Amino acid sequence: YKKKYESLAKRRGKKRAIVAIARMILTAIYQILSTGEA
């Protein structure tokens, strides 16, 4: 997520990049709880 954040922060700014990372984490949570995989 660090490398994804650095890439996003250059284009969209730090605040929007953090929100984007939070959304990525929630999407990962959805997939983990749906599939039961790490």
PDB file of all heavy atoms in Angstrom:
ATOM      1  N   TYR A   1       0.820  -1.211   0.000  1.00  0.00           N
ATOM      2  CA  TYR A   1       0.000   0.000   0.000  1.00  0.00           C
ATOM      3  C   TYR A   1       0.858   1.267   0.000  1.00  0.00           C
ATOM      4  O   TYR A   1       0.417   2.324  -0.460  1.00  0.00           O
ATOM      5  CB  TYR A   1      -0.936   0.000   1.209  1.00  0.00           C
ATOM      6  CG  TYR A   1      -2.051  -1.027   1.108  1.00  0.00           C
ATOM      7  CD1 TYR A   1      -2.149  -2.061   2.017  1.00  0.00           C
ATOM      8  CD2 TYR A   1      -3.000  -0.951   0.093  1.00  0.00           C
ATOM      9  CE1 TYR A   1      -3.166  -2.999   1.930  1.00  0.00           C
ATOM     10  CE2 TYR A   1      -4.021  -1.896  -0.008  1.00  0.00           C
ATOM     11  CZ  TYR A   1      -4.093  -2.914   0.913  1.00  0.00           C
ATOM     12  OH  TYR A   1      -5.104  -3.845   0.813  1.00  0.00           O
ATOM     13  N   LYS A   2       2.052   1.173   0.524  1.00  0.00           N
ATOM     14  CA  LYS A   2       2.958   2.323   0.535  1.00  0.00           C
ATOM     15  C   LYS A   2       3.280   2.783  -0.881  1.00  0.00           C
ATOM     16  O   LYS A   2       3.230   3.976  -1.194  1.00  0.00           O
ATOM     17  CB  LYS A   2       4.241   1.971   1.288  1.00  0.00           C
ATOM     18  CG  LYS A   2       5.239   3.112   1.391  1.00  0.00           C
ATOM     19  CD  LYS A   2       6.481   2.680   2.136  1.00  0.00           C
ATOM     20  CE  LYS A   2       7.473   3.831   2.238  1.00  0.00           C
ATOM     21  NZ  LYS A   2       8.716   3.403   2.959  1.00  0.00           N
ATOM     22  N   LYS A   3       3.615   1.836  -1.754  1.00  0.00           N
ATOM     23  CA  LYS A   3       3.959   2.181  -3.134  1.00  0.00           C
ATOM     24  C   LYS A   3       2.740   2.672  -3.909  1.00  0.00           C
ATOM     25  O   LYS A   3       2.849   3.572  -4.745  1.00  0.00           O
ATOM     26  CB  LYS A   3       4.597   0.985  -3.811  1.00  0.00           C
ATOM     27  CG  LYS A   3       5.959   0.614  -3.230  1.00  0.00           C
ATOM     28  CD  LYS A   3       6.635  -0.501  -3.985  1.00  0.00           C
ATOM     29  CE  LYS A   3       8.010  -0.795  -3.387  1.00  0.00           C
ATOM     30  NZ  LYS A   3       8.709  -1.870  -4.116  1.00  0.00           N
ATOM     31  N   LYS A   4       1.579   2.082  -3.630  1.00  0.00           N
ATOM     32  CA  LYS A   4       0.358   2.562  -4.269  1.00  0.00           C
ATOM     33  C   LYS A   4       0.027   3.976  -3.805  1.00  0.00           C
ATOM     34  O   LYS A   4      -0.424   4.818  -4.587  1.00  0.00           O
ATOM     35  CB  LYS A   4      -0.795   1.608  -3.969  1.00  0.00           C
ATOM     36  CG  LYS A   4      -0.769   0.317  -4.775  1.00  0.00           C
ATOM     37  CD  LYS A   4      -2.009  -0.507  -4.539  1.00  0.00           C
ATOM     38  CE  LYS A   4      -2.049  -1.726  -5.449  1.00  0.00           C
ATOM     39  NZ  LYS A   4      -2.246  -1.358  -6.867  1.00  0.00           N
ATOM     40  N   TYR A   5       0.235   4.240  -2.521  1.00  0.00           N
ATOM     41  CA  TYR A   5      -0.029   5.578  -1.974  1.00  0.00           C
ATOM     42  C   TYR A   5       0.890   6.621  -2.604  1.00  0.00           C
ATOM     43  O   TYR A   5       0.442   7.715  -2.971  1.00  0.00           O
ATOM     44  CB  TYR A   5       0.158   5.552  -0.455  1.00  0.00           C
ATOM     45  CG  TYR A   5       0.181   6.920   0.186  1.00  0.00           C
ATOM     46  CD1 TYR A   5      -0.985   7.634   0.397  1.00  0.00           C
ATOM     47  CD2 TYR A   5       1.384   7.498   0.579  1.00  0.00           C
ATOM     48  CE1 TYR A   5      -0.965   8.892   0.981  1.00  0.00           C
ATOM     49  CE2 TYR A   5       1.422   8.746   1.159  1.00  0.00           C
ATOM     50  CZ  TYR A   5       0.247   9.439   1.360  1.00  0.00           C
ATOM     51  OH  TYR A   5       0.284  10.694   1.930  1.00  0.00           O
ATOM     52  N   GLU A   6       2.167   6.296  -2.721  1.00  0.00           N
ATOM     53  CA  GLU A   6       3.116   7.238  -3.308  1.00  0.00           C
ATOM     54  C   GLU A   6       2.759   7.562  -4.754  1.00  0.00           C
ATOM     55  O   GLU A   6       2.896   8.703  -5.201  1.00  0.00           O
ATOM     56  CB  GLU A   6       4.532   6.659  -3.216  1.00  0.00           C
ATOM     57  CG  GLU A   6       5.076   6.592  -1.794  1.00  0.00           C
ATOM     58  CD  GLU A   6       6.378   5.837  -1.703  1.00  0.00           C
ATOM     59  OE1 GLU A   6       6.785   5.215  -2.737  1.00  0.00           O
ATOM     60  OE2 GLU A   6       7.000   5.843  -0.609  1.00  0.00           O
ATOM     61  N   SER A   7       2.292   6.565  -5.481  1.00  0.00           N
ATOM     62  CA  SER A   7       1.888   6.789  -6.869  1.00  0.00           C
ATOM     63  C   SER A   7       0.639   7.666  -6.950  1.00  0.00           C
ATOM     64  O   SER A   7       0.554   8.568  -7.792  1.00  0.00           O
ATOM     65  CB  SER A   7       1.634   5.447  -7.548  1.00  0.00           C
ATOM     66  OG  SER A   7       1.160   5.625  -8.859  1.00  0.00           O
ATOM     67  N   LEU A   8      -0.327   7.420  -6.062  1.00  0.00           N
ATOM     68  CA  LEU A   8      -1.568   8.197  -6.060  1.00  0.00           C
ATOM     69  C   LEU A   8      -1.349   9.616  -5.560  1.00  0.00           C
ATOM     70  O   LEU A   8      -1.959  10.561  -6.061  1.00  0.00           O
ATOM     71  CB  LEU A   8      -2.622   7.499  -5.198  1.00  0.00           C
ATOM     72  CG  LEU A   8      -3.243   6.218  -5.762  1.00  0.00           C
ATOM     73  CD1 LEU A   8      -4.009   5.483  -4.680  1.00  0.00           C
ATOM     74  CD2 LEU A   8      -4.170   6.554  -6.923  1.00  0.00           C
ATOM     75  N   ALA A   9      -0.497   9.771  -4.542  1.00  0.00           N
ATOM     76  CA  ALA A   9      -0.268  11.091  -3.941  1.00  0.00           C
ATOM     77  C   ALA A   9       0.336  12.072  -4.940  1.00  0.00           C
ATOM     78  O   ALA A   9       0.086  13.277  -4.866  1.00  0.00           O
ATOM     79  CB  ALA A   9       0.623  10.953  -2.714  1.00  0.00           C
ATOM     80  N   LYS A  10       1.133  11.578  -5.867  1.00  0.00           N
ATOM     81  CA  LYS A  10       1.734  12.457  -6.876  1.00  0.00           C
ATOM     82  C   LYS A  10       0.667  13.066  -7.786  1.00  0.00           C
ATOM     83  O   LYS A  10       0.785  14.208  -8.219  1.00  0.00           O
ATOM     84  CB  LYS A  10       2.743  11.676  -7.710  1.00  0.00           C
ATOM     85  CG  LYS A  10       3.994  11.263  -6.952  1.00  0.00           C
ATOM     86  CD  LYS A  10       4.914  10.438  -7.828  1.00  0.00           C
ATOM     87  CE  LYS A  10       6.143   9.974  -7.047  1.00  0.00           C
ATOM     88  NZ  LYS A  10       7.025   9.113  -7.875  1.00  0.00           N
ATOM     89  N   ARG A  11      -0.357  12.282  -8.084  1.00  0.00           N
ATOM     90  CA  ARG A  11      -1.378  12.724  -9.034  1.00  0.00           C
ATOM     91  C   ARG A  11      -2.569  13.393  -8.354  1.00  0.00           C
ATOM     92  O   ARG A  11      -3.116  14.368  -8.857  1.00  0.00           O
ATOM     93  CB  ARG A  11      -1.864  11.540  -9.863  1.00  0.00           C
ATOM     94  CG  ARG A  11      -0.781  10.940 -10.758  1.00  0.00           C
ATOM     95  CD  ARG A  11      -1.304   9.793 -11.598  1.00  0.00           C
ATOM     96  NE  ARG A  11      -1.524   8.600 -10.803  1.00  0.00           N
ATOM     97  CZ  ARG A  11      -2.678   8.085 -10.514  1.00  0.00           C
ATOM     98  NH1 ARG A  11      -3.780   8.672 -10.960  1.00  0.00           N
ATOM     99  NH2 ARG A  11      -2.802   6.972  -9.810  1.00  0.00           N
ATOM    100  N   ARG A  12      -3.001  12.868  -7.177  1.00  0.00           N
ATOM    101  CA  ARG A  12      -4.259  13.291  -6.570  1.00  0.00           C
ATOM    102  C   ARG A  12      -4.105  14.017  -5.239  1.00  0.00           C
ATOM    103  O   ARG A  12      -5.085  14.528  -4.717  1.00  0.00           O
ATOM    104  CB  ARG A  12      -5.168  12.070  -6.367  1.00  0.00           C
ATOM    105  CG  ARG A  12      -5.420  11.246  -7.618  1.00  0.00           C
ATOM    106  CD  ARG A  12      -6.221  12.042  -8.625  1.00  0.00           C
ATOM    107  NE  ARG A  12      -7.584  12.249  -8.124  1.00  0.00           N
ATOM    108  CZ  ARG A  12      -8.473  13.049  -8.672  1.00  0.00           C
ATOM    109  NH1 ARG A  12      -8.138  13.746  -9.733  1.00  0.00           N
ATOM    110  NH2 ARG A  12      -9.690  13.176  -8.179  1.00  0.00           N
ATOM    111  N   GLY A  13      -2.926  14.030  -4.676  1.00  0.00           N
ATOM    112  CA  GLY A  13      -2.725  14.656  -3.377  1.00  0.00           C
ATOM    113  C   GLY A  13      -2.781  13.623  -2.254  1.00  0.00           C
ATOM    114  O   GLY A  13      -3.298  12.519  -2.417  1.00  0.00           O
ATOM    115  N   LYS A  14      -2.260  13.980  -1.099  1.00  0.00           N
ATOM    116  CA  LYS A  14      -2.121  13.048   0.013  1.00  0.00           C
ATOM    117  C   LYS A  14      -3.466  12.634   0.613  1.00  0.00           C
ATOM    118  O   LYS A  14      -3.679  11.465   0.927  1.00  0.00           O
ATOM    119  CB  LYS A  14      -1.228  13.654   1.099  1.00  0.00           C
ATOM    120  CG  LYS A  14       0.218  13.838   0.667  1.00  0.00           C
ATOM    121  CD  LYS A  14       1.063  14.389   1.792  1.00  0.00           C
ATOM    122  CE  LYS A  14       2.519  14.538   1.351  1.00  0.00           C
ATOM    123  NZ  LYS A  14       3.372  15.069   2.457  1.00  0.00           N
ATOM    124  N   LYS A  15      -4.385  13.582   0.786  1.00  0.00           N
ATOM    125  CA  LYS A  15      -5.670  13.271   1.420  1.00  0.00           C
ATOM    126  C   LYS A  15      -6.497  12.314   0.573  1.00  0.00           C
ATOM    127  O   LYS A  15      -7.056  11.332   1.074  1.00  0.00           O
ATOM    128  CB  LYS A  15      -6.452  14.561   1.694  1.00  0.00           C
ATOM    129  CG  LYS A  15      -5.844  15.423   2.785  1.00  0.00           C
ATOM    130  CD  LYS A  15      -6.712  16.630   3.080  1.00  0.00           C
ATOM    131  CE  LYS A  15      -6.115  17.457   4.210  1.00  0.00           C
ATOM    132  NZ  LYS A  15      -6.976  18.656   4.512  1.00  0.00           N
ATOM    133  N   ARG A  16      -6.588  12.603  -0.719  1.00  0.00           N
ATOM    134  CA  ARG A  16      -7.340  11.722  -1.608  1.00  0.00           C
ATOM    135  C   ARG A  16      -6.664  10.360  -1.730  1.00  0.00           C
ATOM    136  O   ARG A  16      -7.352   9.335  -1.866  1.00  0.00           O
ATOM    137  CB  ARG A  16      -7.491  12.366  -2.980  1.00  0.00           C
ATOM    138  CG  ARG A  16      -8.456  13.561  -2.987  1.00  0.00           C
ATOM    139  CD  ARG A  16      -8.544  14.181  -4.347  1.00  0.00           C
ATOM    140  NE  ARG A  16      -9.516  15.282  -4.374  1.00  0.00           N
ATOM    141  CZ  ARG A  16      -9.715  16.073  -5.396  1.00  0.00           C
ATOM    142  NH1 ARG A  16      -9.005  15.897  -6.503  1.00  0.00           N
ATOM    143  NH2 ARG A  16     -10.614  17.053  -5.334  1.00  0.00           N
ATOM    144  N   ALA A  17      -5.355  10.355  -1.678  1.00  0.00           N
ATOM    145  CA  ALA A  17      -4.619   9.093  -1.758  1.00  0.00           C
ATOM    146  C   ALA A  17      -4.916   8.213  -0.543  1.00  0.00           C
ATOM    147  O   ALA A  17      -5.080   6.996  -0.681  1.00  0.00           O
ATOM    148  CB  ALA A  17      -3.122   9.372  -1.874  1.00  0.00           C
ATOM    149  N   ILE A  18      -4.985   8.814   0.638  1.00  0.00           N
ATOM    150  CA  ILE A  18      -5.292   8.052   1.852  1.00  0.00           C
ATOM    151  C   ILE A  18      -6.700   7.468   1.782  1.00  0.00           C
ATOM    152  O   ILE A  18      -6.940   6.305   2.156  1.00  0.00           O
ATOM    153  CB  ILE A  18      -5.125   8.938   3.103  1.00  0.00           C
ATOM    154  CG1 ILE A  18      -3.650   9.045   3.466  1.00  0.00           C
ATOM    155  CG2 ILE A  18      -5.902   8.396   4.292  1.00  0.00           C
ATOM    156  CD1 ILE A  18      -3.032   7.757   3.958  1.00  0.00           C
ATOM    157  N   VAL A  19      -7.660   8.264   1.307  1.00  0.00           N
ATOM    158  CA  VAL A  19      -9.029   7.773   1.153  1.00  0.00           C
ATOM    159  C   VAL A  19      -9.068   6.620   0.151  1.00  0.00           C
ATOM    160  O   VAL A  19      -9.783   5.628   0.348  1.00  0.00           O
ATOM    161  CB  VAL A  19      -9.971   8.919   0.726  1.00  0.00           C
ATOM    162  CG1 VAL A  19     -11.356   8.380   0.389  1.00  0.00           C
ATOM    163  CG2 VAL A  19     -10.081   9.966   1.826  1.00  0.00           C
ATOM    164  N   ALA A  20      -8.284   6.740  -0.928  1.00  0.00           N
ATOM    165  CA  ALA A  20      -8.219   5.671  -1.927  1.00  0.00           C
ATOM    166  C   ALA A  20      -7.644   4.391  -1.323  1.00  0.00           C
ATOM    167  O   ALA A  20      -8.130   3.287  -1.601  1.00  0.00           O
ATOM    168  CB  ALA A  20      -7.390   6.121  -3.121  1.00  0.00           C
ATOM    169  N   ILE A  21      -6.625   4.519  -0.485  1.00  0.00           N
ATOM    170  CA  ILE A  21      -6.036   3.354   0.182  1.00  0.00           C
ATOM    171  C   ILE A  21      -7.048   2.727   1.148  1.00  0.00           C
ATOM    172  O   ILE A  21      -7.158   1.500   1.244  1.00  0.00           O
ATOM    173  CB  ILE A  21      -4.745   3.735   0.924  1.00  0.00           C
ATOM    174  CG1 ILE A  21      -3.682   4.237  -0.066  1.00  0.00           C
ATOM    175  CG2 ILE A  21      -4.212   2.550   1.722  1.00  0.00           C
ATOM    176  CD1 ILE A  21      -3.241   3.224  -1.078  1.00  0.00           C
ATOM    177  N   ALA A  22      -7.800   3.568   1.864  1.00  0.00           N
ATOM    178  CA  ALA A  22      -8.841   3.066   2.771  1.00  0.00           C
ATOM    179  C   ALA A  22      -9.890   2.271   2.000  1.00  0.00           C
ATOM    180  O   ALA A  22     -10.366   1.228   2.470  1.00  0.00           O
ATOM    181  CB  ALA A  22      -9.488   4.230   3.522  1.00  0.00           C
ATOM    182  N   ARG A  23     -10.245   2.757   0.813  1.00  0.00           N
ATOM    183  CA  ARG A  23     -11.204   2.028  -0.015  1.00  0.00           C
ATOM    184  C   ARG A  23     -10.615   0.701  -0.493  1.00  0.00           C
ATOM    185  O   ARG A  23     -11.320  -0.321  -0.536  1.00  0.00           O
ATOM    186  CB  ARG A  23     -11.630   2.882  -1.201  1.00  0.00           C
ATOM    187  CG  ARG A  23     -12.637   2.194  -2.116  1.00  0.00           C
ATOM    188  CD  ARG A  23     -13.172   3.101  -3.187  1.00  0.00           C
ATOM    189  NE  ARG A  23     -14.079   2.381  -4.074  1.00  0.00           N
ATOM    190  CZ  ARG A  23     -14.755   2.920  -5.060  1.00  0.00           C
ATOM    191  NH1 ARG A  23     -14.649   4.225  -5.282  1.00  0.00           N
ATOM    192  NH2 ARG A  23     -15.573   2.185  -5.817  1.00  0.00           N
ATOM    193  N   MET A  24      -9.338   0.696  -0.859  1.00  0.00           N
ATOM    194  CA  MET A  24      -8.677  -0.558  -1.258  1.00  0.00           C
ATOM    195  C   MET A  24      -8.707  -1.575  -0.128  1.00  0.00           C
ATOM    196  O   MET A  24      -8.958  -2.762  -0.339  1.00  0.00           O
ATOM    197  CB  MET A  24      -7.234  -0.291  -1.669  1.00  0.00           C
ATOM    198  CG  MET A  24      -7.077   0.486  -2.961  1.00  0.00           C
ATOM    199  SD  MET A  24      -5.323   0.758  -3.331  1.00  0.00           S
ATOM    200  CE  MET A  24      -5.446   1.952  -4.663  1.00  0.00           C
ATOM    201  N   ILE A  25      -8.451  -1.111   1.092  1.00  0.00           N
ATOM    202  CA  ILE A  25      -8.462  -2.003   2.252  1.00  0.00           C
ATOM    203  C   ILE A  25      -9.866  -2.572   2.479  1.00  0.00           C
ATOM    204  O   ILE A  25     -10.024  -3.766   2.749  1.00  0.00           O
ATOM    205  CB  ILE A  25      -7.960  -1.259   3.509  1.00  0.00           C
ATOM    206  CG1 ILE A  25      -6.467  -0.950   3.363  1.00  0.00           C
ATOM    207  CG2 ILE A  25      -8.207  -2.075   4.768  1.00  0.00           C
ATOM    208  CD1 ILE A  25      -5.900  -0.086   4.473  1.00  0.00           C
ATOM    209  N   LEU A  26     -10.898  -1.733   2.364  1.00  0.00           N
ATOM    210  CA  LEU A  26     -12.273  -2.204   2.546  1.00  0.00           C
ATOM    211  C   LEU A  26     -12.663  -3.196   1.448  1.00  0.00           C
ATOM    212  O   LEU A  26     -13.371  -4.176   1.715  1.00  0.00           O
ATOM    213  CB  LEU A  26     -13.239  -1.010   2.565  1.00  0.00           C
ATOM    214  CG  LEU A  26     -14.700  -1.345   2.896  1.00  0.00           C
ATOM    215  CD1 LEU A  26     -14.817  -2.066   4.231  1.00  0.00           C
ATOM    216  CD2 LEU A  26     -15.555  -0.087   2.904  1.00  0.00           C
ATOM    217  N   THR A  27     -12.215  -2.957   0.222  1.00  0.00           N
ATOM    218  CA  THR A  27     -12.464  -3.905  -0.861  1.00  0.00           C
ATOM    219  C   THR A  27     -11.803  -5.251  -0.574  1.00  0.00           C
ATOM    220  O   THR A  27     -12.381  -6.314  -0.806  1.00  0.00           O
ATOM    221  CB  THR A  27     -11.954  -3.336  -2.199  1.00  0.00           C
ATOM    222  OG1 THR A  27     -12.590  -2.073  -2.456  1.00  0.00           O
ATOM    223  CG2 THR A  27     -12.255  -4.285  -3.347  1.00  0.00           C
ATOM    224  N   ALA A  28     -10.581  -5.190  -0.049  1.00  0.00           N
ATOM    225  CA  ALA A  28      -9.886  -6.421   0.342  1.00  0.00           C
ATOM    226  C   ALA A  28     -10.626  -7.138   1.466  1.00  0.00           C
ATOM    227  O   ALA A  28     -10.729  -8.371   1.463  1.00  0.00           O
ATOM    228  CB  ALA A  28      -8.452  -6.094   0.767  1.00  0.00           C
ATOM    229  N   ILE A  29     -11.170  -6.382   2.413  1.00  0.00           N
ATOM    230  CA  ILE A  29     -11.942  -6.965   3.511  1.00  0.00           C
ATOM    231  C   ILE A  29     -13.181  -7.675   2.972  1.00  0.00           C
ATOM    232  O   ILE A  29     -13.521  -8.776   3.416  1.00  0.00           O
ATOM    233  CB  ILE A  29     -12.334  -5.869   4.530  1.00  0.00           C
ATOM    234  CG1 ILE A  29     -11.084  -5.379   5.272  1.00  0.00           C
ATOM    235  CG2 ILE A  29     -13.378  -6.373   5.515  1.00  0.00           C
ATOM    236  CD1 ILE A  29     -11.315  -4.146   6.110  1.00  0.00           C
ATOM    237  N   TYR A  30     -13.852  -7.055   2.016  1.00  0.00           N
ATOM    238  CA  TYR A  30     -15.033  -7.670   1.406  1.00  0.00           C
ATOM    239  C   TYR A  30     -14.679  -9.016   0.762  1.00  0.00           C
ATOM    240  O   TYR A  30     -15.390 -10.013   0.944  1.00  0.00           O
ATOM    241  CB  TYR A  30     -15.623  -6.713   0.367  1.00  0.00           C
ATOM    242  CG  TYR A  30     -16.815  -7.273  -0.386  1.00  0.00           C
ATOM    243  CD1 TYR A  30     -18.107  -7.151   0.129  1.00  0.00           C
ATOM    244  CD2 TYR A  30     -16.652  -7.926  -1.607  1.00  0.00           C
ATOM    245  CE1 TYR A  30     -19.187  -7.660  -0.550  1.00  0.00           C
ATOM    246  CE2 TYR A  30     -17.742  -8.438  -2.296  1.00  0.00           C
ATOM    247  CZ  TYR A  30     -19.006  -8.302  -1.763  1.00  0.00           C
ATOM    248  OH  TYR A  30     -20.087  -8.822  -2.445  1.00  0.00           O
ATOM    249  N   GLN A  31     -13.566  -9.044   0.016  1.00  0.00           N
ATOM    250  CA  GLN A  31     -13.156 -10.276  -0.654  1.00  0.00           C
ATOM    251  C   GLN A  31     -12.738 -11.345   0.356  1.00  0.00           C
ATOM    252  O   GLN A  31     -13.049 -12.535   0.184  1.00  0.00           O
ATOM    253  CB  GLN A  31     -12.002  -9.989  -1.627  1.00  0.00           C
ATOM    254  CG  GLN A  31     -12.365  -9.052  -2.773  1.00  0.00           C
ATOM    255  CD  GLN A  31     -13.433  -9.623  -3.686  1.00  0.00           C
ATOM    256  OE1 GLN A  31     -13.581 -10.835  -3.823  1.00  0.00           O
ATOM    257  NE2 GLN A  31     -14.184  -8.745  -4.336  1.00  0.00           N
ATOM    258  N   ILE A  32     -12.044 -10.943   1.411  1.00  0.00           N
ATOM    259  CA  ILE A  32     -11.595 -11.893   2.432  1.00  0.00           C
ATOM    260  C   ILE A  32     -12.786 -12.530   3.142  1.00  0.00           C
ATOM    261  O   ILE A  32     -12.843 -13.746   3.317  1.00  0.00           O
ATOM    262  CB  ILE A  32     -10.670 -11.189   3.440  1.00  0.00           C
ATOM    263  CG1 ILE A  32      -9.323 -10.883   2.790  1.00  0.00           C
ATOM    264  CG2 ILE A  32     -10.469 -12.038   4.690  1.00  0.00           C
ATOM    265  CD1 ILE A  32      -8.419 -10.018   3.634  1.00  0.00           C
ATOM    266  N   LEU A  33     -13.758 -11.709   3.554  1.00  0.00           N
ATOM    267  CA  LEU A  33     -14.927 -12.233   4.267  1.00  0.00           C
ATOM    268  C   LEU A  33     -15.857 -13.010   3.340  1.00  0.00           C
ATOM    269  O   LEU A  33     -16.607 -13.875   3.803  1.00  0.00           O
ATOM    270  CB  LEU A  33     -15.685 -11.085   4.935  1.00  0.00           C
ATOM    271  CG  LEU A  33     -14.932 -10.336   6.048  1.00  0.00           C
ATOM    272  CD1 LEU A  33     -15.785  -9.201   6.593  1.00  0.00           C
ATOM    273  CD2 LEU A  33     -14.540 -11.284   7.170  1.00  0.00           C
ATOM    274  N   SER A  34     -15.814 -12.707   2.047  1.00  0.00           N
ATOM    275  CA  SER A  34     -16.660 -13.426   1.085  1.00  0.00           C
ATOM    276  C   SER A  34     -16.085 -14.793   0.740  1.00  0.00           C
ATOM    277  O   SER A  34     -16.817 -15.772   0.609  1.00  0.00           O
ATOM    278  CB  SER A  34     -16.842 -12.597  -0.188  1.00  0.00           C
ATOM    279  OG  SER A  34     -17.481 -11.365   0.085  1.00  0.00           O
ATOM    280  N   THR A  35     -14.759 -14.867   0.574  1.00  0.00           N
ATOM    281  CA  THR A  35     -14.105 -16.098   0.131  1.00  0.00           C
ATOM    282  C   THR A  35     -13.503 -16.916   1.265  1.00  0.00           C
ATOM    283  O   THR A  35     -13.249 -18.111   1.090  1.00  0.00           O
ATOM    284  CB  THR A  35     -13.012 -15.769  -0.890  1.00  0.00           C
ATOM    285  OG1 THR A  35     -12.020 -14.914  -0.267  1.00  0.00           O
ATOM    286  CG2 THR A  35     -13.598 -15.043  -2.100  1.00  0.00           C
ATOM    287  N   GLY A  36     -13.244 -16.280   2.414  1.00  0.00           N
ATOM    288  CA  GLY A  36     -12.597 -16.990   3.510  1.00  0.00           C
ATOM    289  C   GLY A  36     -11.124 -17.242   3.281  1.00  0.00           C
ATOM    290  O   GLY A  36     -10.541 -18.169   3.841  1.00  0.00           O
ATOM    291  N   GLU A  37     -10.479 -16.409   2.460  1.00  0.00           N
ATOM    292  CA  GLU A  37      -9.065 -16.530   2.162  1.00  0.00           C
ATOM    293  C   GLU A  37      -8.290 -15.365   2.766  1.00  0.00           C
ATOM    294  O   GLU A  37      -8.840 -14.278   2.945  1.00  0.00           O
ATOM    295  CB  GLU A  37      -8.826 -16.585   0.654  1.00  0.00           C
ATOM    296  CG  GLU A  37      -9.492 -17.762  -0.042  1.00  0.00           C
ATOM    297  CD  GLU A  37      -9.301 -17.725  -1.548  1.00  0.00           C
ATOM    298  OE1 GLU A  37      -8.661 -16.751  -2.024  1.00  0.00           O
ATOM    299  OE2 GLU A  37      -9.780 -18.648  -2.239  1.00  0.00           O
ATOM    300  N   ALA A  38      -7.033 -15.600   3.062  1.00  0.00           N
ATOM    301  CA  ALA A  38      -6.185 -14.547   3.608  1.00  0.00           C
ATOM    302  C   ALA A  38      -5.864 -13.510   2.537  1.00  0.00           C
ATOM    303  O   ALA A  38      -6.063 -13.729   1.336  1.00  0.00           O
ATOM    304  CB  ALA A  38      -4.904 -15.151   4.176  1.00  0.00           C
TER     305      ALA A  38
END
